[in-house]
N, C-alpha and C. Protein backbone atom coordinates (compact mmCIF):
# COMPACT_ATOMS: atom_id res chain seq x y z
N UNK A 1 7.25 -14.93 53.58
CA UNK A 1 8.02 -15.65 52.61
C UNK A 1 8.55 -16.92 53.25
N UNK A 2 8.49 -18.00 52.49
CA UNK A 2 8.97 -19.29 52.98
C UNK A 2 10.27 -19.65 52.27
N UNK A 3 11.24 -20.10 53.03
CA UNK A 3 12.51 -20.56 52.48
C UNK A 3 12.26 -21.90 51.76
N UNK A 4 13.16 -22.26 50.88
CA UNK A 4 13.03 -23.49 50.10
C UNK A 4 12.87 -24.71 51.00
N UNK A 5 13.58 -24.72 52.13
CA UNK A 5 13.52 -25.89 53.01
C UNK A 5 12.14 -26.07 53.66
N UNK A 6 11.36 -25.01 53.76
CA UNK A 6 10.00 -25.14 54.31
C UNK A 6 9.10 -25.86 53.31
N UNK A 7 9.24 -25.50 52.04
CA UNK A 7 8.48 -26.19 50.99
C UNK A 7 8.88 -27.66 50.89
N UNK A 8 10.15 -27.95 51.15
CA UNK A 8 10.68 -29.31 51.04
C UNK A 8 10.38 -30.17 52.27
N UNK A 9 10.18 -29.54 53.41
CA UNK A 9 10.12 -30.26 54.68
C UNK A 9 9.11 -31.41 54.70
N UNK A 10 7.89 -31.28 54.17
CA UNK A 10 6.97 -32.41 54.22
C UNK A 10 7.45 -33.64 53.44
N UNK A 11 8.42 -33.46 52.55
CA UNK A 11 8.94 -34.57 51.75
C UNK A 11 10.24 -35.14 52.30
N UNK A 12 10.70 -34.59 53.43
CA UNK A 12 11.93 -35.07 54.06
C UNK A 12 11.65 -36.34 54.88
N UNK A 13 12.71 -36.96 55.37
CA UNK A 13 12.60 -38.10 56.27
C UNK A 13 12.01 -37.60 57.59
N UNK A 14 10.84 -38.08 57.93
CA UNK A 14 10.11 -37.58 59.09
C UNK A 14 10.35 -38.40 60.36
N UNK A 15 11.41 -39.20 60.37
CA UNK A 15 11.68 -40.02 61.57
C UNK A 15 12.18 -39.17 62.73
N UNK A 16 12.80 -38.03 62.45
CA UNK A 16 13.24 -37.11 63.50
C UNK A 16 12.03 -36.30 63.97
N UNK A 17 11.87 -36.21 65.28
CA UNK A 17 10.70 -35.55 65.88
C UNK A 17 10.58 -34.08 65.47
N UNK A 18 11.70 -33.34 65.47
CA UNK A 18 11.64 -31.92 65.13
C UNK A 18 11.36 -31.71 63.64
N UNK A 19 11.89 -32.59 62.79
CA UNK A 19 11.62 -32.50 61.35
C UNK A 19 10.14 -32.78 61.09
N UNK A 20 9.59 -33.77 61.80
CA UNK A 20 8.17 -34.09 61.64
C UNK A 20 7.29 -32.92 62.07
N UNK A 21 7.64 -32.28 63.18
CA UNK A 21 6.89 -31.12 63.66
C UNK A 21 6.97 -29.96 62.66
N UNK A 22 8.16 -29.73 62.10
CA UNK A 22 8.31 -28.68 61.08
C UNK A 22 7.49 -29.02 59.82
N UNK A 23 7.45 -30.29 59.45
CA UNK A 23 6.66 -30.72 58.28
C UNK A 23 5.18 -30.48 58.51
N UNK A 24 4.69 -30.85 59.70
CA UNK A 24 3.27 -30.64 60.02
C UNK A 24 2.93 -29.15 60.03
N UNK A 25 3.83 -28.35 60.59
CA UNK A 25 3.62 -26.89 60.63
C UNK A 25 3.64 -26.30 59.23
N UNK A 26 4.54 -26.79 58.40
CA UNK A 26 4.61 -26.32 57.01
C UNK A 26 3.30 -26.60 56.28
N UNK A 27 2.75 -27.78 56.48
CA UNK A 27 1.46 -28.11 55.85
C UNK A 27 0.35 -27.17 56.33
N UNK A 28 0.37 -26.84 57.62
CA UNK A 28 -0.63 -25.90 58.15
C UNK A 28 -0.48 -24.53 57.48
N UNK A 29 0.75 -24.10 57.29
CA UNK A 29 1.02 -22.82 56.64
C UNK A 29 0.49 -22.85 55.20
N UNK A 30 0.73 -23.94 54.48
CA UNK A 30 0.21 -24.06 53.11
C UNK A 30 -1.31 -23.97 53.11
N UNK A 31 -1.95 -24.60 54.09
CA UNK A 31 -3.42 -24.53 54.19
C UNK A 31 -3.88 -23.11 54.49
N UNK A 32 -3.16 -22.39 55.35
CA UNK A 32 -3.49 -20.98 55.60
C UNK A 32 -3.44 -20.18 54.30
N UNK A 33 -2.44 -20.46 53.48
CA UNK A 33 -2.31 -19.74 52.21
C UNK A 33 -3.47 -20.07 51.28
N UNK A 34 -3.84 -21.35 51.22
CA UNK A 34 -4.95 -21.76 50.35
C UNK A 34 -6.27 -21.15 50.83
N UNK A 35 -6.42 -21.02 52.16
CA UNK A 35 -7.64 -20.43 52.74
C UNK A 35 -7.61 -18.90 52.73
N UNK A 36 -6.49 -18.33 52.25
CA UNK A 36 -6.29 -16.88 52.21
C UNK A 36 -6.19 -16.25 53.62
N UNK A 37 -5.84 -17.07 54.60
CA UNK A 37 -5.59 -16.58 55.95
C UNK A 37 -4.19 -15.98 56.04
N UNK A 38 -3.30 -16.43 55.16
CA UNK A 38 -1.94 -15.91 55.08
C UNK A 38 -1.57 -15.71 53.62
N UNK A 39 -0.70 -14.76 53.36
CA UNK A 39 -0.23 -14.50 52.00
C UNK A 39 1.22 -14.94 51.89
N UNK A 40 1.49 -15.81 50.95
CA UNK A 40 2.85 -16.31 50.73
C UNK A 40 3.44 -15.60 49.52
N UNK A 41 4.60 -15.01 49.73
CA UNK A 41 5.35 -14.38 48.65
C UNK A 41 6.49 -15.34 48.31
N UNK A 42 6.67 -15.61 47.02
CA UNK A 42 7.79 -16.43 46.59
C UNK A 42 8.84 -15.50 45.97
N UNK A 43 9.95 -16.09 45.54
CA UNK A 43 11.02 -15.27 44.98
C UNK A 43 11.75 -16.02 43.88
N UNK A 44 12.46 -15.25 43.11
CA UNK A 44 13.27 -15.82 42.04
C UNK A 44 14.30 -16.80 42.61
N UNK A 45 14.89 -16.47 43.76
CA UNK A 45 15.89 -17.36 44.36
C UNK A 45 15.25 -18.67 44.82
N UNK A 46 14.00 -18.62 45.28
CA UNK A 46 13.29 -19.85 45.67
C UNK A 46 13.20 -20.80 44.47
N UNK A 47 12.74 -20.28 43.34
CA UNK A 47 12.57 -21.14 42.17
C UNK A 47 13.91 -21.60 41.59
N UNK A 48 14.94 -20.78 41.74
CA UNK A 48 16.28 -21.21 41.34
C UNK A 48 16.69 -22.42 42.19
N UNK A 49 16.51 -22.33 43.50
CA UNK A 49 16.89 -23.43 44.39
C UNK A 49 16.03 -24.67 44.15
N UNK A 50 14.75 -24.48 43.89
CA UNK A 50 13.89 -25.63 43.58
C UNK A 50 14.44 -26.35 42.35
N UNK A 51 14.89 -25.58 41.37
CA UNK A 51 15.46 -26.16 40.15
C UNK A 51 16.71 -27.00 40.40
N UNK A 52 17.37 -26.80 41.53
CA UNK A 52 18.58 -27.56 41.86
C UNK A 52 18.29 -28.90 42.53
N UNK A 53 17.03 -29.14 42.90
CA UNK A 53 16.67 -30.42 43.56
C UNK A 53 16.86 -31.54 42.55
N UNK A 54 17.68 -32.52 42.92
CA UNK A 54 18.06 -33.59 41.99
C UNK A 54 16.91 -34.53 41.63
N UNK A 55 16.10 -34.89 42.62
CA UNK A 55 15.00 -35.83 42.38
C UNK A 55 13.88 -35.12 41.61
N UNK A 56 13.64 -35.58 40.39
CA UNK A 56 12.67 -34.92 39.50
C UNK A 56 11.28 -34.84 40.11
N UNK A 57 10.79 -35.95 40.67
CA UNK A 57 9.43 -35.95 41.24
C UNK A 57 9.32 -34.96 42.40
N UNK A 58 10.32 -34.99 43.27
CA UNK A 58 10.32 -34.08 44.42
C UNK A 58 10.37 -32.63 43.94
N UNK A 59 11.24 -32.35 42.97
CA UNK A 59 11.37 -31.01 42.41
C UNK A 59 10.04 -30.52 41.84
N UNK A 60 9.35 -31.37 41.10
CA UNK A 60 8.08 -30.98 40.49
C UNK A 60 6.99 -30.75 41.54
N UNK A 61 6.93 -31.60 42.55
CA UNK A 61 5.94 -31.42 43.62
C UNK A 61 6.16 -30.09 44.34
N UNK A 62 7.41 -29.80 44.67
CA UNK A 62 7.72 -28.57 45.39
C UNK A 62 7.45 -27.34 44.51
N UNK A 63 7.80 -27.42 43.23
CA UNK A 63 7.53 -26.32 42.31
C UNK A 63 6.03 -26.01 42.26
N UNK A 64 5.22 -27.06 42.06
CA UNK A 64 3.77 -26.86 41.96
C UNK A 64 3.17 -26.38 43.28
N UNK A 65 3.69 -26.89 44.39
CA UNK A 65 3.22 -26.43 45.69
C UNK A 65 3.49 -24.93 45.85
N UNK A 66 4.70 -24.51 45.53
CA UNK A 66 5.05 -23.09 45.65
C UNK A 66 4.17 -22.24 44.74
N UNK A 67 3.94 -22.68 43.52
CA UNK A 67 3.10 -21.91 42.60
C UNK A 67 1.64 -21.86 43.09
N UNK A 68 1.18 -22.94 43.71
CA UNK A 68 -0.21 -22.99 44.18
C UNK A 68 -0.48 -22.10 45.38
N UNK A 69 0.53 -21.85 46.20
CA UNK A 69 0.30 -21.04 47.40
C UNK A 69 0.79 -19.60 47.27
N UNK A 70 1.51 -19.28 46.21
CA UNK A 70 2.07 -17.94 46.11
C UNK A 70 1.01 -16.89 45.79
N UNK A 71 1.13 -15.76 46.48
CA UNK A 71 0.30 -14.59 46.17
C UNK A 71 1.00 -13.75 45.13
N UNK A 72 2.33 -13.62 45.26
CA UNK A 72 3.13 -12.89 44.30
C UNK A 72 4.56 -13.41 44.34
N UNK A 73 5.34 -13.03 43.32
CA UNK A 73 6.73 -13.47 43.24
C UNK A 73 7.64 -12.26 43.11
N UNK A 74 8.71 -12.25 43.88
CA UNK A 74 9.69 -11.17 43.86
C UNK A 74 10.84 -11.55 42.94
N UNK A 75 11.14 -10.66 42.02
CA UNK A 75 12.28 -10.85 41.14
C UNK A 75 13.50 -10.14 41.74
N UNK A 76 14.66 -10.75 41.58
CA UNK A 76 15.89 -10.13 42.09
C UNK A 76 16.18 -8.88 41.27
N UNK A 77 16.51 -7.80 41.97
CA UNK A 77 16.81 -6.54 41.32
C UNK A 77 18.07 -5.96 41.99
N UNK A 78 18.59 -4.84 41.49
CA UNK A 78 19.82 -4.28 42.07
C UNK A 78 19.72 -3.95 43.57
N UNK A 79 18.54 -3.51 44.04
CA UNK A 79 18.38 -3.22 45.47
C UNK A 79 18.50 -4.48 46.31
N UNK A 80 17.88 -5.56 45.83
CA UNK A 80 17.96 -6.85 46.54
C UNK A 80 19.41 -7.34 46.53
N UNK A 81 20.08 -7.23 45.39
CA UNK A 81 21.48 -7.66 45.31
C UNK A 81 22.36 -6.85 46.26
N UNK A 82 22.12 -5.56 46.36
CA UNK A 82 22.92 -4.69 47.25
C UNK A 82 22.73 -5.11 48.71
N UNK A 83 21.46 -5.30 49.11
CA UNK A 83 21.21 -5.72 50.48
C UNK A 83 21.80 -7.11 50.74
N UNK A 84 21.67 -8.01 49.78
CA UNK A 84 22.26 -9.36 49.92
C UNK A 84 23.77 -9.26 50.10
N UNK A 85 24.40 -8.37 49.33
CA UNK A 85 25.85 -8.17 49.48
C UNK A 85 26.18 -7.68 50.89
N UNK A 86 25.37 -6.77 51.42
CA UNK A 86 25.58 -6.25 52.78
C UNK A 86 25.36 -7.34 53.83
N UNK A 87 24.40 -8.24 53.58
CA UNK A 87 24.11 -9.32 54.52
C UNK A 87 25.23 -10.37 54.56
N UNK A 88 26.05 -10.40 53.54
CA UNK A 88 27.16 -11.35 53.47
C UNK A 88 28.08 -11.24 54.69
N UNK A 89 28.11 -10.08 55.33
CA UNK A 89 28.92 -9.90 56.54
C UNK A 89 28.39 -10.74 57.70
N UNK A 90 27.12 -11.16 57.62
CA UNK A 90 26.48 -11.89 58.72
C UNK A 90 26.20 -13.36 58.38
N UNK A 91 26.11 -13.68 57.08
CA UNK A 91 25.69 -15.02 56.65
C UNK A 91 26.61 -15.51 55.55
N UNK A 92 27.01 -16.78 55.64
CA UNK A 92 27.93 -17.36 54.65
C UNK A 92 27.27 -17.57 53.28
N UNK A 93 26.09 -18.16 53.29
CA UNK A 93 25.43 -18.62 52.06
C UNK A 93 24.75 -17.44 51.34
N UNK A 94 25.24 -17.14 50.13
CA UNK A 94 24.69 -16.00 49.39
C UNK A 94 23.23 -16.21 49.01
N UNK A 95 22.83 -17.45 48.76
CA UNK A 95 21.41 -17.72 48.46
C UNK A 95 20.55 -17.32 49.65
N UNK A 96 21.01 -17.61 50.87
CA UNK A 96 20.27 -17.18 52.07
C UNK A 96 20.20 -15.66 52.14
N UNK A 97 21.30 -15.00 51.77
CA UNK A 97 21.29 -13.53 51.74
C UNK A 97 20.23 -13.02 50.77
N UNK A 98 20.12 -13.67 49.62
CA UNK A 98 19.11 -13.28 48.62
C UNK A 98 17.69 -13.54 49.13
N UNK A 99 17.48 -14.66 49.84
CA UNK A 99 16.16 -14.93 50.43
C UNK A 99 15.79 -13.81 51.41
N UNK A 100 16.72 -13.48 52.30
CA UNK A 100 16.45 -12.46 53.31
C UNK A 100 16.21 -11.11 52.65
N UNK A 101 17.07 -10.74 51.72
CA UNK A 101 16.93 -9.44 51.04
C UNK A 101 15.62 -9.37 50.26
N UNK A 102 15.24 -10.45 49.61
CA UNK A 102 13.97 -10.48 48.86
C UNK A 102 12.79 -10.29 49.81
N UNK A 103 12.81 -11.00 50.93
CA UNK A 103 11.72 -10.88 51.91
C UNK A 103 11.70 -9.48 52.51
N UNK A 104 12.86 -8.98 52.88
CA UNK A 104 12.96 -7.68 53.56
C UNK A 104 12.49 -6.54 52.66
N UNK A 105 12.90 -6.55 51.42
CA UNK A 105 12.58 -5.44 50.53
C UNK A 105 11.22 -5.56 49.85
N UNK A 106 10.57 -6.70 50.03
CA UNK A 106 9.22 -6.85 49.47
C UNK A 106 8.16 -6.60 50.53
N UNK A 107 8.59 -6.23 51.74
CA UNK A 107 7.64 -5.89 52.79
C UNK A 107 7.07 -7.07 53.55
N UNK A 108 7.71 -8.22 53.44
CA UNK A 108 7.25 -9.39 54.18
C UNK A 108 7.47 -9.16 55.68
N UNK A 109 6.58 -9.68 56.48
CA UNK A 109 6.74 -9.62 57.94
C UNK A 109 7.65 -10.73 58.44
N UNK A 110 7.62 -11.88 57.75
CA UNK A 110 8.34 -13.06 58.21
C UNK A 110 9.08 -13.74 57.07
N UNK A 111 10.27 -14.23 57.39
CA UNK A 111 10.95 -15.21 56.55
C UNK A 111 10.93 -16.48 57.39
N UNK A 112 10.26 -17.49 56.88
CA UNK A 112 10.10 -18.75 57.61
C UNK A 112 11.11 -19.74 57.05
N UNK A 113 11.90 -20.33 57.95
CA UNK A 113 12.97 -21.22 57.53
C UNK A 113 13.20 -22.33 58.54
N UNK A 114 13.75 -23.44 58.06
CA UNK A 114 14.19 -24.53 58.93
C UNK A 114 15.71 -24.48 59.10
N UNK A 115 16.36 -23.54 58.45
CA UNK A 115 17.82 -23.40 58.44
C UNK A 115 18.31 -22.99 59.84
N UNK A 116 19.03 -23.90 60.47
CA UNK A 116 19.48 -23.67 61.85
C UNK A 116 20.41 -22.45 61.96
N UNK A 117 21.28 -22.25 60.96
CA UNK A 117 22.19 -21.09 61.01
C UNK A 117 21.39 -19.78 60.96
N UNK A 118 20.42 -19.70 60.05
CA UNK A 118 19.61 -18.48 59.96
C UNK A 118 18.83 -18.25 61.24
N UNK A 119 18.28 -19.31 61.79
CA UNK A 119 17.51 -19.17 63.03
C UNK A 119 18.41 -18.75 64.19
N UNK A 120 19.62 -19.29 64.24
CA UNK A 120 20.58 -18.93 65.29
C UNK A 120 21.00 -17.45 65.17
N UNK A 121 21.08 -16.96 63.94
CA UNK A 121 21.52 -15.58 63.70
C UNK A 121 20.36 -14.62 63.50
N UNK A 122 19.14 -15.06 63.74
CA UNK A 122 17.94 -14.25 63.47
C UNK A 122 17.99 -12.91 64.19
N UNK A 123 18.40 -12.90 65.43
CA UNK A 123 18.46 -11.65 66.19
C UNK A 123 19.45 -10.66 65.60
N UNK A 124 20.62 -11.16 65.27
CA UNK A 124 21.66 -10.31 64.68
C UNK A 124 21.22 -9.76 63.31
N UNK A 125 20.63 -10.63 62.50
CA UNK A 125 20.14 -10.21 61.17
C UNK A 125 19.01 -9.20 61.33
N UNK A 126 18.10 -9.50 62.25
CA UNK A 126 16.98 -8.58 62.50
C UNK A 126 17.46 -7.21 62.95
N UNK A 127 18.46 -7.18 63.82
CA UNK A 127 19.02 -5.90 64.29
C UNK A 127 19.68 -5.14 63.14
N UNK A 128 20.42 -5.86 62.30
CA UNK A 128 21.05 -5.21 61.15
C UNK A 128 19.98 -4.61 60.23
N UNK A 129 18.93 -5.38 59.94
CA UNK A 129 17.87 -4.86 59.07
C UNK A 129 17.15 -3.68 59.72
N UNK A 130 16.93 -3.76 61.01
CA UNK A 130 16.28 -2.66 61.74
C UNK A 130 17.10 -1.37 61.64
N UNK A 131 18.43 -1.51 61.61
CA UNK A 131 19.29 -0.33 61.46
C UNK A 131 19.08 0.34 60.10
N UNK A 132 18.49 -0.41 59.17
CA UNK A 132 18.16 0.11 57.84
C UNK A 132 16.67 0.46 57.73
N UNK A 133 15.99 0.46 58.88
CA UNK A 133 14.53 0.70 58.95
C UNK A 133 13.72 -0.36 58.24
N UNK A 134 14.19 -1.59 58.31
CA UNK A 134 13.49 -2.74 57.73
C UNK A 134 13.18 -3.71 58.87
N UNK A 135 11.92 -4.07 58.98
CA UNK A 135 11.52 -5.01 60.04
C UNK A 135 11.16 -6.35 59.39
N UNK A 136 11.92 -7.37 59.75
CA UNK A 136 11.69 -8.73 59.24
C UNK A 136 12.00 -9.70 60.37
N UNK A 137 11.09 -10.61 60.62
CA UNK A 137 11.29 -11.65 61.63
C UNK A 137 11.67 -12.94 60.91
N UNK A 138 12.74 -13.57 61.37
CA UNK A 138 13.15 -14.86 60.83
C UNK A 138 12.75 -15.90 61.86
N UNK A 139 11.84 -16.80 61.45
CA UNK A 139 11.28 -17.77 62.40
C UNK A 139 11.22 -19.17 61.80
N UNK A 140 11.07 -20.13 62.67
CA UNK A 140 10.88 -21.53 62.30
C UNK A 140 9.40 -21.74 61.94
N UNK A 141 9.10 -22.65 61.01
CA UNK A 141 7.69 -22.87 60.65
C UNK A 141 6.81 -23.29 61.83
N UNK A 142 7.40 -23.88 62.85
CA UNK A 142 6.64 -24.31 64.02
C UNK A 142 5.99 -23.11 64.71
N UNK A 143 6.61 -21.94 64.61
CA UNK A 143 6.09 -20.75 65.30
C UNK A 143 5.01 -20.00 64.53
N UNK A 144 4.97 -20.14 63.21
CA UNK A 144 4.05 -19.31 62.43
C UNK A 144 2.57 -19.63 62.61
N UNK A 145 2.15 -20.88 62.69
CA UNK A 145 0.70 -21.11 62.85
C UNK A 145 0.09 -20.41 64.06
N UNK A 146 0.80 -20.38 65.19
CA UNK A 146 0.23 -19.70 66.35
C UNK A 146 0.20 -18.18 66.14
N UNK A 147 1.18 -17.63 65.43
CA UNK A 147 1.17 -16.20 65.11
C UNK A 147 -0.01 -15.86 64.22
N UNK A 148 -0.24 -16.68 63.21
CA UNK A 148 -1.37 -16.47 62.30
C UNK A 148 -2.68 -16.58 63.08
N UNK A 149 -2.74 -17.56 63.98
CA UNK A 149 -3.95 -17.73 64.80
C UNK A 149 -4.21 -16.51 65.66
N UNK A 150 -3.19 -15.96 66.29
CA UNK A 150 -3.33 -14.76 67.12
C UNK A 150 -3.79 -13.57 66.28
N UNK A 151 -3.23 -13.42 65.10
CA UNK A 151 -3.58 -12.29 64.23
C UNK A 151 -5.03 -12.38 63.74
N UNK A 152 -5.55 -13.60 63.69
CA UNK A 152 -6.91 -13.80 63.23
C UNK A 152 -7.88 -14.05 64.38
N UNK A 153 -7.43 -13.78 65.60
CA UNK A 153 -8.30 -13.90 66.77
C UNK A 153 -8.64 -15.30 67.18
N UNK A 154 -7.78 -16.26 66.83
CA UNK A 154 -8.04 -17.67 67.22
C UNK A 154 -7.15 -18.07 68.38
């Protein structure tokens, strides 16, 4: 599952070296999805956040990109809301809690994000989820292409 900021990253200001690297990695991930080398799961919270993007053209591009690469979409349900409520003890932003809960309960292996707070707390969140017998890795988009390559013997 990709966080909203991963879908947005190629349209951000690429003058910062790390942002540019994340944008290039995000594009590679989208290509993996189109080639069926990776499966992208989207979520109701993703499309809610896309709807909040003020710039109409940017919002439409990101919406269509997400729809073009998605294998399936997760709808928020009471189990996701419960886990998101529990995650609130570790993360301030409830939308982030919903992203994590959606990814965790839909069986995703990875939640890919550019969010520095989520990446900083990835170990703590992962340990909390593991205590519930849920395995989810929270990673930066820069790391996923090499993981996909290893899984496919490249």
